[in-house]
PDB file of N, CA and C in Angstrom:
ATOM      1  N   MET A   1      -7.933   0.896   3.438  1.00  0.00           N
ATOM      2  CA  MET A   1      -6.582   1.016   3.387  1.00  0.00           C
ATOM      3  C   MET A   1      -6.653   0.598   1.618  1.00  0.00           C
ATOM      4  N   SER A   2      -7.480  -0.042   1.339  1.00  0.00           N
ATOM      5  CA  SER A   2      -7.353  -0.782   0.118  1.00  0.00           C
ATOM      6  C   SER A   2      -7.107   0.585  -0.889  1.00  0.00           C
ATOM      7  N   GLU A   3      -7.257   1.549  -0.650  1.00  0.00           N
ATOM      8  CA  GLU A   3      -7.173   2.597  -1.739  1.00  0.00           C
ATOM      9  C   GLU A   3      -6.013   3.326  -1.413  1.00  0.00           C
ATOM     10  N   MET A   4      -5.142   2.803  -0.757  1.00  0.00           N
ATOM     11  CA  MET A   4      -3.713   3.429  -0.515  1.00  0.00           C
ATOM     12  C   MET A   4      -2.850   3.403  -1.745  1.00  0.00           C
ATOM     13  N   THR A   5      -2.395   4.637  -2.205  1.00  0.00           N
ATOM     14  CA  THR A   5      -1.539   4.686  -3.367  1.00  0.00           C
ATOM     15  C   THR A   5      -0.143   4.076  -3.375  1.00  0.00           C
ATOM     16  N   GLN A   6       0.166   3.693  -4.522  1.00  0.00           N
ATOM     17  CA  GLN A   6       1.707   3.160  -4.406  1.00  0.00           C
ATOM     18  C   GLN A   6       2.688   4.114  -3.785  1.00  0.00           C
ATOM     19  N   ALA A   7       2.415   5.413  -4.138  1.00  0.00           N
ATOM     20  CA  ALA A   7       3.221   6.306  -3.498  1.00  0.00           C
ATOM     21  C   ALA A   7       3.063   6.594  -1.973  1.00  0.00           C
ATOM     22  N   THR A   8       1.893   6.393  -1.604  1.00  0.00           N
ATOM     23  CA  THR A   8       1.787   6.448  -0.289  1.00  0.00           C
ATOM     24  C   THR A   8       2.630   5.314   0.713  1.00  0.00           C
ATOM     25  N   ARG A   9       2.250   4.465  -0.233  1.00  0.00           N
ATOM     26  CA  ARG A   9       3.350   3.195   0.622  1.00  0.00           C
ATOM     27  C   ARG A   9       4.262   3.334   0.447  1.00  0.00           C
ATOM     28  N   ASP A  10       5.035   3.852  -0.742  1.00  0.00           N
ATOM     29  CA  ASP A  10       6.446   3.756  -0.922  1.00  0.00           C
ATOM     30  C   ASP A  10       6.960   4.728  -0.006  1.00  0.00           C
ATOM     31  N   LYS A  11       6.487   6.011   0.327  1.00  0.00           N
ATOM     32  CA  LYS A  11       6.583   7.099   1.291  1.00  0.00           C
ATOM     33  C   LYS A  11       6.717   6.409   2.708  1.00  0.00           C
ATOM     34  N   MET A  12       5.726   5.636   3.033  1.00  0.00           N
ATOM     35  CA  MET A  12       5.864   4.699   4.524  1.00  0.00           C
ATOM     36  C   MET A  12       6.865   3.852   4.368  1.00  0.00           C
ATOM     37  N   ILE A  13       7.092   3.037   3.467  1.00  0.00           N
ATOM     38  CA  ILE A  13       8.300   2.501   3.643  1.00  0.00           C
ATOM     39  C   ILE A  13       9.424   3.121   3.881  1.00  0.00           C
ATOM     40  N   ALA A  14       9.852   4.037   3.131  1.00  0.00           N
ATOM     41  CA  ALA A  14      11.123   4.865   3.002  1.00  0.00           C
ATOM     42  C   ALA A  14      11.039   5.553   4.527  1.00  0.00           C
ATOM     43  N   ASP A  15      10.281   6.308   5.091  1.00  0.00           N
ATOM     44  CA  ASP A  15       9.951   6.584   6.477  1.00  0.00           C
ATOM     45  C   ASP A  15      10.590   5.258   7.384  1.00  0.00           C
ATOM     46  N   PHE A  16       9.844   4.180   7.148  1.00  0.00           N
ATOM     47  CA  PHE A  16      10.218   3.239   8.393  1.00  0.00           C
ATOM     48  C   PHE A  16      11.646   2.723   8.062  1.00  0.00           C
ATOM     49  N   LYS A  17      12.286   2.861   6.590  1.00  0.00           N
ATOM     50  CA  LYS A  17      13.549   2.602   6.435  1.00  0.00           C
ATOM     51  C   LYS A  17      14.493   3.555   7.191  1.00  0.00           C
ATOM     52  N   LEU A  18      14.161   4.868   6.970  1.00  0.00           N
ATOM     53  CA  LEU A  18      14.880   5.913   7.890  1.00  0.00           C
ATOM     54  C   LEU A  18      14.836   5.662   9.390  1.00  0.00           C
ATOM     55  N   VAL A  19      14.052   5.351   9.884  1.00  0.00           N
ATOM     56  CA  VAL A  19      13.642   5.105  11.625  1.00  0.00           C
ATOM     57  C   VAL A  19      14.629   3.969  11.890  1.00  0.00           C
ATOM     58  N   ILE A  20      14.762   2.869  10.731  1.00  0.00           N
ATOM     59  CA  ILE A  20      15.693   1.706  11.427  1.00  0.00           C
ATOM     60  C   ILE A  20      17.007   1.953  10.969  1.00  0.00           C
ATOM     61  N   SER A  21      17.584   2.730  10.017  1.00  0.00           N
ATOM     62  CA  SER A  21      18.718   3.162   9.934  1.00  0.00           C
ATOM     63  C   SER A  21      19.209   4.069  10.960  1.00  0.00           C
ATOM     64  N   ASP A  22      18.387   4.984  11.479  1.00  0.00           N
ATOM     65  CA  ASP A  22      18.673   5.603  12.773  1.00  0.00           C
ATOM     66  C   ASP A  22      19.021   4.968  13.991  1.00  0.00           C
ATOM     67  N   ALA A  23      18.176   4.046  14.001  1.00  0.00           N
ATOM     68  CA  ALA A  23      18.372   3.257  15.255  1.00  0.00           C
ATOM     69  C   ALA A  23      19.579   2.564  15.081  1.00  0.00           C
ATOM     70  N   GLU A  24      19.842   1.819  14.049  1.00  0.00           N
ATOM     71  CA  GLU A  24      21.164   0.882  13.868  1.00  0.00           C
ATOM     72  C   GLU A  24      22.199   2.055  14.062  1.00  0.00           C
ATOM     73  N   GLN A  25      22.137   2.977  13.864  1.00  0.00           N
ATOM     74  CA  GLN A  25      23.338   4.128  14.114  1.00  0.00           C
ATOM     75  C   GLN A  25      23.251   4.424  15.495  1.00  0.00           C
ATOM     76  N   LEU A  26      22.172   4.643  15.895  1.00  0.00           N
ATOM     77  CA  LEU A  26      21.785   4.685  17.485  1.00  0.00           C
ATOM     78  C   LEU A  26      22.864   3.720  18.370  1.00  0.00           C
ATOM     79  N   LEU A  27      22.439   2.477  17.834  1.00  0.00           N
ATOM     80  CA  LEU A  27      22.899   1.450  18.701  1.00  0.00           C
ATOM     81  C   LEU A  27      24.465   1.440  18.304  1.00  0.00           C
ATOM     82  N   LYS A  28      25.071   1.701  17.234  1.00  0.00           N
ATOM     83  CA  LYS A  28      26.536   1.736  16.966  1.00  0.00           C
ATOM     84  C   LYS A  28      27.093   2.959  17.749  1.00  0.00           C
ATOM     85  N   LEU A  29      26.411   4.173  17.878  1.00  0.00           N
ATOM     86  CA  LEU A  29      27.040   5.182  18.634  1.00  0.00           C
ATOM     87  C   LEU A  29      27.096   5.008  20.192  1.00  0.00           C
ATOM     88  N   THR A  30      25.995   4.142  20.593  1.00  0.00           N
ATOM     89  CA  THR A  30      26.222   3.930  22.139  1.00  0.00           C
ATOM     90  C   THR A  30      26.776   3.049  22.561  1.00  0.00           C
ATOM     91  N   ALA A  31      27.488   2.240  21.680  1.00  0.00           N
ATOM     92  CA  ALA A  31      28.455   1.025  22.009  1.00  0.00           C
ATOM     93  C   ALA A  31      29.984   1.667  22.499  1.00  0.00           C
ATOM     94  N   ASP A  32      29.977   2.838  21.805  1.00  0.00           N
ATOM     95  CA  ASP A  32      31.343   3.188  21.709  1.00  0.00           C
ATOM     96  C   ASP A  32      31.341   4.453  22.532  1.00  0.00           C
ATOM     97  N   ASP A  33      30.419   5.343  22.331  1.00  0.00           N
ATOM     98  CA  ASP A  33      30.328   6.932  22.497  1.00  0.00           C
ATOM     99  C   ASP A  33      29.186   7.390  23.023  1.00  0.00           C
ATOM    100  N   ALA A  34      29.053   8.065  23.917  1.00  0.00           N
ATOM    101  CA  ALA A  34      27.640   8.627  24.476  1.00  0.00           C
ATOM    102  C   ALA A  34      27.692  10.023  24.549  1.00  0.00           C
ATOM    103  N   SER A  35      28.310  10.879  23.794  1.00  0.00           N
ATOM    104  CA  SER A  35      28.629  12.327  23.714  1.00  0.00           C
ATOM    105  C   SER A  35      27.591  12.856  22.904  1.00  0.00           C
ATOM    106  N   GLY A  36      28.038  14.254  22.123  1.00  0.00           N
ATOM    107  CA  GLY A  36      26.843  15.151  21.393  1.00  0.00           C
ATOM    108  C   GLY A  36      26.369  14.247  20.252  1.00  0.00           C
ATOM    109  N   LYS A  37      27.101  13.508  19.695  1.00  0.00           N
ATOM    110  CA  LYS A  37      26.476  12.738  18.613  1.00  0.00           C
ATOM    111  C   LYS A  37      25.472  11.904  18.854  1.00  0.00           C
ATOM    112  N   PHE A  38      25.643  11.533  20.070  1.00  0.00           N
ATOM    113  CA  PHE A  38      24.459  10.397  20.594  1.00  0.00           C
ATOM    114  C   PHE A  38      23.314  11.001  20.622  1.00  0.00           C
ATOM    115  N   SER A  39      23.153  12.324  21.298  1.00  0.00           N
ATOM    116  CA  SER A  39      21.929  13.235  21.712  1.00  0.00           C
ATOM    117  C   SER A  39      21.213  13.606  20.100  1.00  0.00           C
ATOM    118  N   ASP A  40      22.389  13.919  19.151  1.00  0.00           N
ATOM    119  CA  ASP A  40      21.886  14.212  18.259  1.00  0.00           C
ATOM    120  C   ASP A  40      21.130  13.126  17.417  1.00  0.00           C
ATOM    121  N   VAL A  41      21.566  11.955  17.202  1.00  0.00           N
ATOM    122  CA  VAL A  41      20.993  10.843  16.725  1.00  0.00           C
ATOM    123  C   VAL A  41      19.632  10.573  17.166  1.00  0.00           C
ATOM    124  N   ARG A  42      19.745  10.430  18.565  1.00  0.00           N
ATOM    125  CA  ARG A  42      18.559  10.063  19.518  1.00  0.00           C
ATOM    126  C   ARG A  42      17.376  11.195  19.162  1.00  0.00           C
ATOM    127  N   GLY A  43      17.829  12.506  18.856  1.00  0.00           N
ATOM    128  CA  GLY A  43      16.549  13.282  18.642  1.00  0.00           C
ATOM    129  C   GLY A  43      15.839  13.003  17.090  1.00  0.00           C
ATOM    130  N   ARG A  44      17.151  13.031  16.325  1.00  0.00           N
ATOM    131  CA  ARG A  44      16.435  12.785  14.990  1.00  0.00           C
ATOM    132  C   ARG A  44      15.777  11.434  15.269  1.00  0.00           C
ATOM    133  N   LEU A  45      15.912  10.408  15.591  1.00  0.00           N
ATOM    134  CA  LEU A  45      15.286   9.249  15.781  1.00  0.00           C
ATOM    135  C   LEU A  45      13.648   9.469  16.339  1.00  0.00           C
ATOM    136  N   GLY A  46      13.845  10.324  17.399  1.00  0.00           N
ATOM    137  CA  GLY A  46      12.554  10.757  17.989  1.00  0.00           C
ATOM    138  C   GLY A  46      11.735  11.314  17.264  1.00  0.00           C
ATOM    139  N   GLU A  47      12.410  12.197  16.444  1.00  0.00           N
ATOM    140  CA  GLU A  47      11.293  13.238  15.432  1.00  0.00           C
ATOM    141  C   GLU A  47      10.746  12.155  14.561  1.00  0.00           C
ATOM    142  N   ARG A  48      11.609  11.060  13.704  1.00  0.00           N
ATOM    143  CA  ARG A  48      11.134  10.269  12.877  1.00  0.00           C
ATOM    144  C   ARG A  48      10.249   9.292  13.388  1.00  0.00           C
ATOM    145  N   LEU A  49      10.382   9.034  14.786  1.00  0.00           N
ATOM    146  CA  LEU A  49       9.339   7.990  15.178  1.00  0.00           C
ATOM    147  C   LEU A  49       7.927   8.570  15.261  1.00  0.00           C
ATOM    148  N   ALA A  50       7.926   9.894  15.597  1.00  0.00           N
ATOM    149  CA  ALA A  50       6.662  10.821  16.057  1.00  0.00           C
ATOM    150  C   ALA A  50       6.057  10.944  14.772  1.00  0.00           C
ATOM    151  N   ALA A  51       6.858  11.227  13.478  1.00  0.00           N
ATOM    152  CA  ALA A  51       6.004  11.361  12.011  1.00  0.00           C
ATOM    153  C   ALA A  51       5.721  10.262  11.669  1.00  0.00           C
ATOM    154  N   ALA A  52       6.368   9.051  11.879  1.00  0.00           N
ATOM    155  CA  ALA A  52       5.754   7.850  11.624  1.00  0.00           C
ATOM    156  C   ALA A  52       4.331   7.116  12.445  1.00  0.00           C
ATOM    157  N   ARG A  53       4.527   7.464  13.731  1.00  0.00           N
ATOM    158  CA  ARG A  53       3.421   7.265  14.629  1.00  0.00           C
ATOM    159  C   ARG A  53       2.148   8.292  14.041  1.00  0.00           C
ATOM    160  N   ALA A  54       2.292   9.446  13.681  1.00  0.00           N
ATOM    161  CA  ALA A  54       1.571  10.291  13.185  1.00  0.00           C
ATOM    162  C   ALA A  54       0.704   9.807  11.736  1.00  0.00           C
ATOM    163  N   GLN A  55       1.596   9.327  10.967  1.00  0.00           N
ATOM    164  CA  GLN A  55       1.128   8.719   9.764  1.00  0.00           C
ATOM    165  C   GLN A  55       0.291   7.719  10.161  1.00  0.00           C
ATOM    166  N   VAL A  56       0.815   6.399  10.909  1.00  0.00           N
ATOM    167  CA  VAL A  56      -0.094   5.591  11.141  1.00  0.00           C
ATOM    168  C   VAL A  56      -1.248   6.141  11.468  1.00  0.00           C
ATOM    169  N   GLY A  57      -1.466   6.927  12.737  1.00  0.00           N
ATOM    170  CA  GLY A  57      -2.437   7.280  12.952  1.00  0.00           C
ATOM    171  C   GLY A  57      -3.576   7.907  12.173  1.00  0.00           C
ATOM    172  N   GLU A  58      -2.874   8.442  11.101  1.00  0.00           N
ATOM    173  CA  GLU A  58      -3.793   8.928   9.891  1.00  0.00           C
ATOM    174  C   GLU A  58      -4.327   8.017   9.021  1.00  0.00           C
ATOM    175  N   PHE A  59      -3.418   6.483   8.914  1.00  0.00           N
ATOM    176  CA  PHE A  59      -3.963   5.680   8.224  1.00  0.00           C
ATOM    177  C   PHE A  59      -5.118   4.998   8.832  1.00  0.00           C
ATOM    178  N   GLU A  60      -5.016   4.663  10.218  1.00  0.00           N
ATOM    179  CA  GLU A  60      -5.968   4.279  11.051  1.00  0.00           C
ATOM    180  C   GLU A  60      -7.158   4.842  10.920  1.00  0.00           C
ATOM    181  N   ALA A  61      -7.198   6.300  10.822  1.00  0.00           N
ATOM    182  CA  ALA A  61      -8.316   7.111  11.014  1.00  0.00           C
ATOM    183  C   ALA A  61      -9.141   6.649   9.566  1.00  0.00           C
ATOM    184  N   ALA A  62      -8.164   6.970   8.631  1.00  0.00           N
ATOM    185  CA  ALA A  62      -8.680   6.722   7.250  1.00  0.00           C
ATOM    186  C   ALA A  62      -9.410   5.174   7.044  1.00  0.00           C
ATOM    187  N   ALA A  63      -8.920   4.103   7.651  1.00  0.00           N
ATOM    188  CA  ALA A  63      -9.552   2.963   7.607  1.00  0.00           C
ATOM    189  C   ALA A  63     -10.831   2.734   8.442  1.00  0.00           C
ATOM    190  N   VAL A  64     -10.562   3.677   9.745  1.00  0.00           N
ATOM    191  CA  VAL A  64     -12.141   3.653  10.395  1.00  0.00           C
ATOM    192  C   VAL A  64     -13.186   4.256   9.717  1.00  0.00           C
ATOM    193  N   ALA A  65     -12.798   5.592   8.990  1.00  0.00           N
ATOM    194  CA  ALA A  65     -13.777   6.124   8.313  1.00  0.00           C
ATOM    195  C   ALA A  65     -14.293   5.076   7.024  1.00  0.00           C
ATOM    196  N   LYS A  66     -13.276   4.744   6.349  1.00  0.00           N
ATOM    197  CA  LYS A  66     -13.961   3.681   5.304  1.00  0.00           C
ATOM    198  C   LYS A  66     -14.841   2.531   5.718  1.00  0.00           C
ATOM    199  N   ALA A  67     -14.662   2.053   6.959  1.00  0.00           N
ATOM    200  CA  ALA A  67     -15.303   0.708   7.537  1.00  0.00           C
ATOM    201  C   ALA A  67     -16.448   1.602   7.918  1.00  0.00           C
ATOM    202  N   LYS A  68     -16.824   2.706   8.474  1.00  0.00           N
ATOM    203  CA  LYS A  68     -18.078   3.346   8.915  1.00  0.00           C
ATOM    204  C   LYS A  68     -18.862   3.265   7.333  1.00  0.00           C
ATOM    205  N   GLU A  69     -18.441   4.058   6.549  1.00  0.00           N
ATOM    206  CA  GLU A  69     -19.041   4.082   5.307  1.00  0.00           C
ATOM    207  C   GLU A  69     -19.172   2.855   4.689  1.00  0.00           C
ATOM    208  N   VAL A  70     -18.617   1.953   4.585  1.00  0.00           N
ATOM    209  CA  VAL A  70     -19.025   0.559   4.007  1.00  0.00           C
ATOM    210  C   VAL A  70     -20.210  -0.045   4.684  1.00  0.00           C
ATOM    211  N   ALA A  71     -20.233   0.236   6.391  1.00  0.00           N
ATOM    212  CA  ALA A  71     -21.137  -0.246   7.176  1.00  0.00           C
ATOM    213  C   ALA A  71     -22.504   0.373   6.817  1.00  0.00           C
ATOM    214  N   LYS A  72     -22.403   1.919   6.566  1.00  0.00           N
ATOM    215  CA  LYS A  72     -23.636   2.649   6.137  1.00  0.00           C
ATOM    216  C   LYS A  72     -24.116   2.089   5.042  1.00  0.00           C
ATOM    217  N   ALA A  73     -23.350   1.878   4.072  1.00  0.00           N
ATOM    218  CA  ALA A  73     -24.077   1.513   2.687  1.00  0.00           C
ATOM    219  C   ALA A  73     -24.417   0.068   2.818  1.00  0.00           C
ATOM    220  N   THR A  74     -23.799  -0.793   3.472  1.00  0.00           N
ATOM    221  CA  THR A  74     -24.792  -2.356   4.097  1.00  0.00           C
ATOM    222  C   THR A  74     -25.807  -1.856   4.469  1.00  0.00           C
ATOM    223  N   ASP A  75     -25.893  -1.041   5.579  1.00  0.00           N
ATOM    224  CA  ASP A  75     -27.060  -0.917   6.412  1.00  0.00           C
ATOM    225  C   ASP A  75     -28.644  -0.347   5.264  1.00  0.00           C
ATOM    226  N   ASN A  76     -27.731   0.490   4.456  1.00  0.00           N
ATOM    227  CA  ASN A  76     -28.807   1.203   3.634  1.00  0.00           C
ATOM    228  C   ASN A  76     -29.292   0.065   2.578  1.00  0.00           C
ATOM    229  N   TYR A  77     -28.637  -0.794   1.951  1.00  0.00           N
ATOM    230  CA  TYR A  77     -29.040  -1.821   1.150  1.00  0.00           C
ATOM    231  C   TYR A  77     -29.925  -2.953   1.888  1.00  0.00           C
ATOM    232  N   VAL A  78     -29.753  -3.160   3.272  1.00  0.00           N
ATOM    233  CA  VAL A  78     -30.220  -4.091   3.914  1.00  0.00           C
ATOM    234  C   VAL A  78     -32.091  -3.516   4.053  1.00  0.00           C
ATOM    235  N   HIS A  79     -31.941  -2.171   4.320  1.00  0.00           N
ATOM    236  CA  HIS A  79     -33.127  -1.515   4.761  1.00  0.00           C
ATOM    237  C   HIS A  79     -34.020  -1.356   3.194  1.00  0.00           C
ATOM    238  N   GLU A  80     -33.246  -1.077   1.858  1.00  0.00           N
ATOM    239  CA  GLU A  80     -34.028  -0.944   0.903  1.00  0.00           C
ATOM    240  C   GLU A  80     -34.204  -2.345   0.387  1.00  0.00           C
ATOM    241  N   ASN A  81     -33.580  -3.316   0.411  1.00  0.00           N
ATOM    242  CA  ASN A  81     -33.821  -4.649   0.047  1.00  0.00           C
ATOM    243  C   ASN A  81     -33.954  -5.884   0.939  1.00  0.00           C
ATOM    244  N   PRO A  82     -34.812  -5.811   1.781  1.00  0.00           N
ATOM    245  CA  PRO A  82     -34.798  -6.602   3.123  1.00  0.00           C
ATOM    246  C   PRO A  82     -34.953  -8.230   2.726  1.00  0.00           C
ATOM    247  N   TRP A  83     -35.563  -8.235   1.593  1.00  0.00           N
ATOM    248  CA  TRP A  83     -35.896  -9.814   1.210  1.00  0.00           C
ATOM    249  C   TRP A  83     -34.858 -10.346   0.405  1.00  0.00           C
ATOM    250  N   GLN A  84     -34.200  -9.603  -0.430  1.00  0.00           N
ATOM    251  CA  GLN A  84     -32.820  -9.901  -0.813  1.00  0.00           C
ATOM    252  C   GLN A  84     -31.739 -10.316   0.284  1.00  0.00           C
ATOM    253  N   SER A  85     -31.641  -9.379   1.044  1.00  0.00           N
ATOM    254  CA  SER A  85     -30.757  -9.625   2.028  1.00  0.00           C
ATOM    255  C   SER A  85     -31.025 -10.793   2.985  1.00  0.00           C
ATOM    256  N   ILE A  86     -32.589 -11.165   3.237  1.00  0.00           N
ATOM    257  CA  ILE A  86     -32.680 -12.358   3.774  1.00  0.00           C
ATOM    258  C   ILE A  86     -32.100 -13.500   3.076  1.00  0.00           C
ATOM    259  N   GLY A  87     -32.492 -13.488   1.742  1.00  0.00           N
ATOM    260  CA  GLY A  87     -32.292 -14.585   0.869  1.00  0.00           C
ATOM    261  C   GLY A  87     -30.543 -14.976   0.835  1.00  0.00           C
ATOM    262  N   ILE A  88     -29.679 -13.722   0.703  1.00  0.00           N
ATOM    263  CA  ILE A  88     -28.529 -13.680   0.816  1.00  0.00           C
ATOM    264  C   ILE A  88     -27.859 -14.476   2.193  1.00  0.00           C
ATOM    265  N   ALA A  89     -28.586 -13.997   3.238  1.00  0.00           N
ATOM    266  CA  ALA A  89     -28.130 -14.447   4.531  1.00  0.00           C
ATOM    267  C   ALA A  89     -28.508 -16.126   4.777  1.00  0.00           C
ATOM    268  N   ALA A  90     -29.721 -16.453   4.063  1.00  0.00           N
ATOM    269  CA  ALA A  90     -30.095 -17.800   4.363  1.00  0.00           C
ATOM    270  C   ALA A  90     -29.276 -18.779   3.333  1.00  0.00           C
ATOM    271  N   GLY A  91     -28.445 -18.084   2.160  1.00  0.00           N
ATOM    272  CA  GLY A  91     -27.740 -18.836   1.192  1.00  0.00           C
ATOM    273  C   GLY A  91     -26.483 -18.947   2.215  1.00  0.00           C
ATOM    274  N   VAL A  92     -25.963 -18.081   2.545  1.00  0.00           N
ATOM    275  CA  VAL A  92     -24.492 -17.859   3.266  1.00  0.00           C
ATOM    276  C   VAL A  92     -24.776 -18.934   4.557  1.00  0.00           C
ATOM    277  N   GLY A  93     -25.700 -19.045   5.419  1.00  0.00           N
ATOM    278  CA  GLY A  93     -25.908 -20.110   6.427  1.00  0.00           C
ATOM    279  C   GLY A  93     -25.819 -21.175   5.665  1.00  0.00           C
ATOM    280  N   PHE A  94     -26.684 -21.599   4.783  1.00  0.00           N
ATOM    281  CA  PHE A  94     -26.668 -22.904   4.152  1.00  0.00           C
ATOM    282  C   PHE A  94     -25.212 -23.331   3.855  1.00  0.00           C
ATOM    283  N   LEU A  95     -24.616 -22.448   3.263  1.00  0.00           N
ATOM    284  CA  LEU A  95     -23.219 -22.870   2.624  1.00  0.00           C
ATOM    285  C   LEU A  95     -21.963 -23.128   3.794  1.00  0.00           C
ATOM    286  N   VAL A  96     -22.187 -22.362   4.937  1.00  0.00           N
ATOM    287  CA  VAL A  96     -21.613 -22.326   6.119  1.00  0.00           C
ATOM    288  C   VAL A  96     -22.039 -23.803   6.860  1.00  0.00           C
ATOM    289  N   GLY A  97     -23.319 -24.087   6.691  1.00  0.00           N
ATOM    290  CA  GLY A  97     -23.699 -25.306   7.678  1.00  0.00           C
ATOM    291  C   GLY A  97     -23.263 -26.300   6.838  1.00  0.00           C
ATOM    292  N   LEU A  98     -23.263 -26.543   5.415  1.00  0.00           N
ATOM    293  CA  LEU A  98     -23.081 -27.320   4.709  1.00  0.00           C
ATOM    294  C   LEU A  98     -21.284 -28.045   4.831  1.00  0.00           C
ATOM    295  N   LEU A  99     -20.650 -26.660   4.716  1.00  0.00           N
ATOM    296  CA  LEU A  99     -19.038 -26.896   5.183  1.00  0.00           C
ATOM    297  C   LEU A  99     -18.760 -27.589   6.453  1.00  0.00           C
ATOM    298  N   ALA A 100     -19.559 -26.943   7.499  1.00  0.00           N
ATOM    299  CA  ALA A 100     -19.323 -27.294   8.822  1.00  0.00           C
ATOM    300  C   ALA A 100     -19.683 -28.841   9.135  1.00  0.00           C
ATOM    301  N   GLY A 101     -20.620 -29.078   8.457  1.00  0.00           N
ATOM    302  CA  GLY A 101     -21.310 -30.612   8.425  1.00  0.00           C
ATOM    303  C   GLY A 101     -20.265 -31.659   7.876  1.00  0.00           C
ATOM    304  N   ARG A 102     -19.515 -31.167   6.941  1.00  0.00           N
ATOM    305  CA  ARG A 102     -18.351 -32.323   6.439  1.00  0.00           C
ATOM    306  C   ARG A 102     -17.645 -32.789   7.420  1.00  0.00           C
ATOM    307  N   ARG A 103     -17.116 -32.073   8.510  1.00  0.00           N
ATOM    308  CA  ARG A 103     -16.102 -32.185   8.965  1.00  0.00           C
ATOM    309  C   ARG A 103     -16.838 -32.834  10.318  1.00  0.00           C
TER     310      ARG A 103
END
């Protein structure tokens, strides 16, 4: 998700603002009147919620794909450079041990 563009973020924020706005309007309408206006707003709210859920699902799928790509690249690096990987892991373990020992 780090590659999410500003335009995508802005679009997502705008979509959530529309959902919130419709939810607030729905609450106002249900307090006084449950006529045809209520079902119209509820329908629009349902459509926007479905769109927002779909968009979040797309972001989640993209994040999973990116995580798999990173994991594969890491696996390839470890297979191509086993001794460097062991050295890095030992160094990180040493630092974690030092930090844990201080407490």
